[in-house]
């Protein structure tokens, strides 16, 4: 699974990053704000998992449920 965290280092970004680390989810980090603007992001952080883009709220739910079905 390919997971990417789009982050600016804001408090919510740090919370999501901590959640990813606690769940031992491997992810890459993108901090390029120009790229985020080009992608049309209206808020940060954004999490992309296998091509599915999630806002902060959706990402928290996804991370919290990760591995529940394994």
PDB file of N, CA and C in Angstrom:
ATOM      1  N   UNK A   1       0.854  -1.179   0.000  1.00  0.00           N
ATOM      2  CA  UNK A   1       0.000   0.000   0.000  1.00  0.00           C
ATOM      3  C   UNK A   1       0.892   1.232   0.000  1.00  0.00           C
ATOM      4  N   UNK A   2       0.557   2.165  -0.838  1.00  0.00           N
ATOM      5  CA  UNK A   2       1.295   3.417  -0.902  1.00  0.00           C
ATOM      6  C   UNK A   2       0.506   4.509  -0.178  1.00  0.00           C
ATOM      7  N   UNK A   3       1.136   5.118   0.829  1.00  0.00           N
ATOM      8  CA  UNK A   3       0.494   6.150   1.639  1.00  0.00           C
ATOM      9  C   UNK A   3       1.360   7.404   1.594  1.00  0.00           C
ATOM     10  N   UNK A   4       0.717   8.551   1.340  1.00  0.00           N
ATOM     11  CA  UNK A   4       1.416   9.826   1.281  1.00  0.00           C
ATOM     12  C   UNK A   4       0.710  10.824   2.188  1.00  0.00           C
ATOM     13  N   UNK A   5       1.488  11.491   3.021  1.00  0.00           N
ATOM     14  CA  UNK A   5       0.982  12.544   3.894  1.00  0.00           C
ATOM     15  C   UNK A   5       1.405  13.887   3.321  1.00  0.00           C
ATOM     16  N   UNK A   6       0.424  14.714   2.998  1.00  0.00           N
ATOM     17  CA  UNK A   6       0.678  16.089   2.556  1.00  0.00           C
ATOM     18  C   UNK A   6       0.581  16.959   3.796  1.00  0.00           C
ATOM     19  N   UNK A   7       1.672  17.621   4.149  1.00  0.00           N
ATOM     20  CA  UNK A   7       1.748  18.310   5.434  1.00  0.00           C
ATOM     21  C   UNK A   7       2.496  19.630   5.344  1.00  0.00           C
ATOM     22  N   UNK A   8       2.116  20.536   6.234  1.00  0.00           N
ATOM     23  CA  UNK A   8       2.853  21.790   6.394  1.00  0.00           C
ATOM     24  C   UNK A   8       3.481  21.866   7.782  1.00  0.00           C
ATOM     25  N   UNK A   9       3.286  20.817   8.576  1.00  0.00           N
ATOM     26  CA  UNK A   9       3.813  20.813   9.937  1.00  0.00           C
ATOM     27  C   UNK A   9       2.889  21.460  10.950  1.00  0.00           C
ATOM     28  N   UNK A  10       1.643  21.712  10.552  1.00  0.00           N
ATOM     29  CA  UNK A  10       0.664  22.332  11.450  1.00  0.00           C
ATOM     30  C   UNK A  10       0.314  21.356  12.581  1.00  0.00           C
ATOM     31  N   UNK A  11      -0.379  21.812  13.615  1.00  0.00           N
ATOM     32  CA  UNK A  11      -0.745  20.912  14.718  1.00  0.00           C
ATOM     33  C   UNK A  11      -1.531  19.676  14.268  1.00  0.00           C
ATOM     34  N   UNK A  12      -2.492  19.842  13.368  1.00  0.00           N
ATOM     35  CA  UNK A  12      -3.246  18.680  12.882  1.00  0.00           C
ATOM     36  C   UNK A  12      -2.357  17.739  12.079  1.00  0.00           C
ATOM     37  N   UNK A  13      -1.415  18.294  11.337  1.00  0.00           N
ATOM     38  CA  UNK A  13      -0.467  17.482  10.581  1.00  0.00           C
ATOM     39  C   UNK A  13       0.352  16.616  11.532  1.00  0.00           C
ATOM     40  N   UNK A  14       0.775  17.197  12.625  1.00  0.00           N
ATOM     41  CA  UNK A  14       1.584  16.467  13.604  1.00  0.00           C
ATOM     42  C   UNK A  14       0.779  15.369  14.284  1.00  0.00           C
ATOM     43  N   UNK A  15      -0.493  15.631  14.553  1.00  0.00           N
ATOM     44  CA  UNK A  15      -1.364  14.614  15.147  1.00  0.00           C
ATOM     45  C   UNK A  15      -1.512  13.434  14.194  1.00  0.00           C
ATOM     46  N   UNK A  16      -1.781  13.721  12.927  1.00  0.00           N
ATOM     47  CA  UNK A  16      -1.958  12.653  11.947  1.00  0.00           C
ATOM     48  C   UNK A  16      -0.657  11.871  11.754  1.00  0.00           C
ATOM     49  N   UNK A  17       0.452  12.560  11.726  1.00  0.00           N
ATOM     50  CA  UNK A  17       1.752  11.894  11.596  1.00  0.00           C
ATOM     51  C   UNK A  17       1.999  10.969  12.792  1.00  0.00           C
ATOM     52  N   UNK A  18       1.668  11.429  13.989  1.00  0.00           N
ATOM     53  CA  UNK A  18       1.838  10.610  15.186  1.00  0.00           C
ATOM     54  C   UNK A  18       0.952   9.368  15.115  1.00  0.00           C
ATOM     55  N   UNK A  19      -0.285   9.532  14.649  1.00  0.00           N
ATOM     56  CA  UNK A  19      -1.188   8.393  14.503  1.00  0.00           C
ATOM     57  C   UNK A  19      -0.633   7.369  13.512  1.00  0.00           C
ATOM     58  N   UNK A  20      -0.094   7.854  12.401  1.00  0.00           N
ATOM     59  CA  UNK A  20       0.497   6.954  11.406  1.00  0.00           C
ATOM     60  C   UNK A  20       1.660   6.173  12.011  1.00  0.00           C
ATOM     61  N   UNK A  21       2.481   6.854  12.776  1.00  0.00           N
ATOM     62  CA  UNK A  21       3.635   6.207  13.399  1.00  0.00           C
ATOM     63  C   UNK A  21       3.210   5.181  14.445  1.00  0.00           C
ATOM     64  N   UNK A  22       2.198   5.495  15.238  1.00  0.00           N
ATOM     65  CA  UNK A  22       1.711   4.564  16.258  1.00  0.00           C
ATOM     66  C   UNK A  22       1.200   3.275  15.610  1.00  0.00           C
ATOM     67  N   UNK A  23       0.526   3.407  14.462  1.00  0.00           N
ATOM     68  CA  UNK A  23      -0.011   2.249  13.755  1.00  0.00           C
ATOM     69  C   UNK A  23       1.038   1.572  12.871  1.00  0.00           C
ATOM     70  N   UNK A  24       2.266   2.094  12.886  1.00  0.00           N
ATOM     71  CA  UNK A  24       3.358   1.541  12.067  1.00  0.00           C
ATOM     72  C   UNK A  24       3.011   1.510  10.583  1.00  0.00           C
ATOM     73  N   UNK A  25       2.371   2.569  10.118  1.00  0.00           N
ATOM     74  CA  UNK A  25       2.032   2.685   8.701  1.00  0.00           C
ATOM     75  C   UNK A  25       3.182   3.389   8.000  1.00  0.00           C
ATOM     76  N   UNK A  26       3.759   2.726   7.007  1.00  0.00           N
ATOM     77  CA  UNK A  26       4.823   3.353   6.220  1.00  0.00           C
ATOM     78  C   UNK A  26       4.200   4.389   5.294  1.00  0.00           C
ATOM     79  N   UNK A  27       4.807   5.562   5.248  1.00  0.00           N
ATOM     80  CA  UNK A  27       4.265   6.639   4.427  1.00  0.00           C
ATOM     81  C   UNK A  27       5.389   7.567   3.992  1.00  0.00           C
ATOM     82  N   UNK A  28       5.133   8.267   2.905  1.00  0.00           N
ATOM     83  CA  UNK A  28       6.052   9.320   2.476  1.00  0.00           C
ATOM     84  C   UNK A  28       5.406  10.657   2.813  1.00  0.00           C
ATOM     85  N   UNK A  29       6.240  11.660   2.921  1.00  0.00           N
ATOM     86  CA  UNK A  29       5.768  12.992   3.302  1.00  0.00           C
ATOM     87  C   UNK A  29       6.044  13.980   2.171  1.00  0.00           C
ATOM     88  N   UNK A  30       5.044  14.782   1.854  1.00  0.00           N
ATOM     89  CA  UNK A  30       5.211  15.859   0.876  1.00  0.00           C
ATOM     90  C   UNK A  30       4.905  17.173   1.578  1.00  0.00           C
ATOM     91  N   UNK A  31       5.852  18.109   1.483  1.00  0.00           N
ATOM     92  CA  UNK A  31       5.709  19.421   2.127  1.00  0.00           C
ATOM     93  C   UNK A  31       5.676  20.562   1.110  1.00  0.00           C
ATOM     94  N   UNK A  32       5.611  20.241  -0.160  1.00  0.00           N
ATOM     95  CA  UNK A  32       5.629  21.233  -1.236  1.00  0.00           C
ATOM     96  C   UNK A  32       4.258  21.911  -1.339  1.00  0.00           C
ATOM     97  N   UNK A  33       4.156  23.103  -0.788  1.00  0.00           N
ATOM     98  CA  UNK A  33       2.879  23.825  -0.747  1.00  0.00           C
ATOM     99  C   UNK A  33       2.385  24.152  -2.158  1.00  0.00           C
ATOM    100  N   UNK A  34       3.286  24.480  -3.072  1.00  0.00           N
ATOM    101  CA  UNK A  34       2.873  24.776  -4.453  1.00  0.00           C
ATOM    102  C   UNK A  34       2.203  23.555  -5.090  1.00  0.00           C
ATOM    103  N   UNK A  35       2.732  22.379  -4.837  1.00  0.00           N
ATOM    104  CA  UNK A  35       2.129  21.154  -5.355  1.00  0.00           C
ATOM    105  C   UNK A  35       0.734  20.948  -4.763  1.00  0.00           C
ATOM    106  N   UNK A  36       0.599  21.226  -3.464  1.00  0.00           N
ATOM    107  CA  UNK A  36      -0.695  21.073  -2.805  1.00  0.00           C
ATOM    108  C   UNK A  36      -1.730  22.036  -3.399  1.00  0.00           C
ATOM    109  N   UNK A  37      -1.295  23.251  -3.688  1.00  0.00           N
ATOM    110  CA  UNK A  37      -2.191  24.234  -4.309  1.00  0.00           C
ATOM    111  C   UNK A  37      -2.590  23.759  -5.702  1.00  0.00           C
ATOM    112  N   UNK A  38      -1.627  23.245  -6.471  1.00  0.00           N
ATOM    113  CA  UNK A  38      -1.923  22.737  -7.815  1.00  0.00           C
ATOM    114  C   UNK A  38      -2.899  21.574  -7.777  1.00  0.00           C
ATOM    115  N   UNK A  39      -2.826  20.766  -6.731  1.00  0.00           N
ATOM    116  CA  UNK A  39      -3.753  19.636  -6.580  1.00  0.00           C
ATOM    117  C   UNK A  39      -5.130  20.100  -6.116  1.00  0.00           C
ATOM    118  N   UNK A  40      -5.254  21.381  -5.739  1.00  0.00           N
ATOM    119  CA  UNK A  40      -6.545  21.935  -5.348  1.00  0.00           C
ATOM    120  C   UNK A  40      -6.924  21.718  -3.902  1.00  0.00           C
ATOM    121  N   UNK A  41      -5.945  21.418  -3.056  1.00  0.00           N
ATOM    122  CA  UNK A  41      -6.249  21.195  -1.644  1.00  0.00           C
ATOM    123  C   UNK A  41      -6.772  22.477  -1.021  1.00  0.00           C
ATOM    124  N   UNK A  42      -7.854  22.340  -0.273  1.00  0.00           N
ATOM    125  CA  UNK A  42      -8.442  23.477   0.445  1.00  0.00           C
ATOM    126  C   UNK A  42      -8.031  23.477   1.903  1.00  0.00           C
ATOM    127  N   UNK A  43      -7.522  22.336   2.381  1.00  0.00           N
ATOM    128  CA  UNK A  43      -7.084  22.227   3.767  1.00  0.00           C
ATOM    129  C   UNK A  43      -5.940  21.218   3.844  1.00  0.00           C
ATOM    130  N   UNK A  44      -5.230  21.301   4.929  1.00  0.00           N
ATOM    131  CA  UNK A  44      -4.089  20.421   5.195  1.00  0.00           C
ATOM    132  C   UNK A  44      -4.253  19.934   6.624  1.00  0.00           C
ATOM    133  N   UNK A  45      -3.894  18.745   6.973  1.00  0.00           N
ATOM    134  CA  UNK A  45      -3.236  17.735   6.154  1.00  0.00           C
ATOM    135  C   UNK A  45      -4.215  16.988   5.254  1.00  0.00           C
ATOM    136  N   UNK A  46      -3.641  16.356   4.250  1.00  0.00           N
ATOM    137  CA  UNK A  46      -4.349  15.436   3.380  1.00  0.00           C
ATOM    138  C   UNK A  46      -3.567  14.138   3.407  1.00  0.00           C
ATOM    139  N   UNK A  47      -4.266  13.032   3.345  1.00  0.00           N
ATOM    140  CA  UNK A  47      -3.628  11.727   3.317  1.00  0.00           C
ATOM    141  C   UNK A  47      -4.111  11.006   2.072  1.00  0.00           C
ATOM    142  N   UNK A  48      -3.167  10.426   1.344  1.00  0.00           N
ATOM    143  CA  UNK A  48      -3.511   9.661   0.157  1.00  0.00           C
ATOM    144  C   UNK A  48      -3.075   8.217   0.380  1.00  0.00           C
ATOM    145  N   UNK A  49      -4.012   7.290   0.236  1.00  0.00           N
ATOM    146  CA  UNK A  49      -3.721   5.868   0.402  1.00  0.00           C
ATOM    147  C   UNK A  49      -4.191   5.136  -0.844  1.00  0.00           C
ATOM    148  N   UNK A  50      -3.234   4.594  -1.584  1.00  0.00           N
ATOM    149  CA  UNK A  50      -3.531   3.891  -2.842  1.00  0.00           C
ATOM    150  C   UNK A  50      -4.440   4.710  -3.751  1.00  0.00           C
ATOM    151  N   UNK A  51      -4.126   5.987  -3.892  1.00  0.00           N
ATOM    152  CA  UNK A  51      -4.849   6.857  -4.803  1.00  0.00           C
ATOM    153  C   UNK A  51      -6.109   7.474  -4.238  1.00  0.00           C
ATOM    154  N   UNK A  52      -6.494   7.118  -3.025  1.00  0.00           N
ATOM    155  CA  UNK A  52      -7.693   7.688  -2.394  1.00  0.00           C
ATOM    156  C   UNK A  52      -7.254   8.826  -1.489  1.00  0.00           C
ATOM    157  N   UNK A  53      -7.757  10.020  -1.779  1.00  0.00           N
ATOM    158  CA  UNK A  53      -7.394  11.216  -1.027  1.00  0.00           C
ATOM    159  C   UNK A  53      -8.388  11.447   0.103  1.00  0.00           C
ATOM    160  N   UNK A  54      -7.860  11.741   1.298  1.00  0.00           N
ATOM    161  CA  UNK A  54      -8.699  11.952   2.474  1.00  0.00           C
ATOM    162  C   UNK A  54      -8.326  13.251   3.172  1.00  0.00           C
ATOM    163  N   UNK A  55      -9.332  13.982   3.634  1.00  0.00           N
ATOM    164  CA  UNK A  55      -9.066  15.159   4.445  1.00  0.00           C
ATOM    165  C   UNK A  55      -8.697  14.707   5.856  1.00  0.00           C
ATOM    166  N   UNK A  56      -8.420  15.648   6.735  1.00  0.00           N
ATOM    167  CA  UNK A  56      -7.954  15.334   8.085  1.00  0.00           C
ATOM    168  C   UNK A  56      -8.918  14.422   8.839  1.00  0.00           C
ATOM    169  N   UNK A  57     -10.195  14.752   8.836  1.00  0.00           N
ATOM    170  CA  UNK A  57     -11.185  13.956   9.577  1.00  0.00           C
ATOM    171  C   UNK A  57     -11.280  12.539   9.044  1.00  0.00           C
ATOM    172  N   UNK A  58     -11.374  12.400   7.742  1.00  0.00           N
ATOM    173  CA  UNK A  58     -11.455  11.069   7.132  1.00  0.00           C
ATOM    174  C   UNK A  58     -10.174  10.281   7.359  1.00  0.00           C
ATOM    175  N   UNK A  59      -9.044  10.965   7.286  1.00  0.00           N
ATOM    176  CA  UNK A  59      -7.754  10.305   7.482  1.00  0.00           C
ATOM    177  C   UNK A  59      -7.623   9.769   8.907  1.00  0.00           C
ATOM    178  N   UNK A  60      -8.094  10.526   9.888  1.00  0.00           N
ATOM    179  CA  UNK A  60      -8.032  10.049  11.278  1.00  0.00           C
ATOM    180  C   UNK A  60      -8.837   8.770  11.448  1.00  0.00           C
ATOM    181  N   UNK A  61     -10.006   8.715  10.845  1.00  0.00           N
ATOM    182  CA  UNK A  61     -10.839   7.512  10.920  1.00  0.00           C
ATOM    183  C   UNK A  61     -10.134   6.352  10.226  1.00  0.00           C
ATOM    184  N   UNK A  62      -9.598   6.598   9.026  1.00  0.00           N
ATOM    185  CA  UNK A  62      -8.913   5.544   8.267  1.00  0.00           C
ATOM    186  C   UNK A  62      -7.728   4.991   9.061  1.00  0.00           C
ATOM    187  N   UNK A  63      -6.909   5.878   9.616  1.00  0.00           N
ATOM    188  CA  UNK A  63      -5.739   5.438  10.370  1.00  0.00           C
ATOM    189  C   UNK A  63      -6.168   4.663  11.614  1.00  0.00           C
ATOM    190  N   UNK A  64      -7.178   5.146  12.306  1.00  0.00           N
ATOM    191  CA  UNK A  64      -7.598   4.469  13.542  1.00  0.00           C
ATOM    192  C   UNK A  64      -8.130   3.068  13.258  1.00  0.00           C
ATOM    193  N   UNK A  65      -8.703   2.843  12.073  1.00  0.00           N
ATOM    194  CA  UNK A  65      -9.240   1.525  11.718  1.00  0.00           C
ATOM    195  C   UNK A  65      -8.219   0.654  10.983  1.00  0.00           C
ATOM    196  N   UNK A  66      -7.066   1.189  10.644  1.00  0.00           N
ATOM    197  CA  UNK A  66      -6.056   0.450   9.902  1.00  0.00           C
ATOM    198  C   UNK A  66      -5.637  -0.797  10.681  1.00  0.00           C
ATOM    199  N   UNK A  67      -5.561  -1.905  10.009  1.00  0.00           N
ATOM    200  CA  UNK A  67      -5.184  -3.207  10.575  1.00  0.00           C
ATOM    201  C   UNK A  67      -6.302  -3.882  11.349  1.00  0.00           C
ATOM    202  N   UNK A  68      -7.459  -3.272  11.484  1.00  0.00           N
ATOM    203  CA  UNK A  68      -8.554  -3.904  12.227  1.00  0.00           C
ATOM    204  C   UNK A  68      -9.042  -5.183  11.546  1.00  0.00           C
ATOM    205  N   UNK A  69      -8.926  -5.217  10.223  1.00  0.00           N
ATOM    206  CA  UNK A  69      -9.433  -6.368   9.480  1.00  0.00           C
ATOM    207  C   UNK A  69      -8.336  -7.333   9.052  1.00  0.00           C
ATOM    208  N   UNK A  70      -7.149  -7.152   9.582  1.00  0.00           N
ATOM    209  CA  UNK A  70      -6.030  -8.036   9.185  1.00  0.00           C
ATOM    210  C   UNK A  70      -5.880  -9.133  10.217  1.00  0.00           C
TER     211      UNK A  70
END
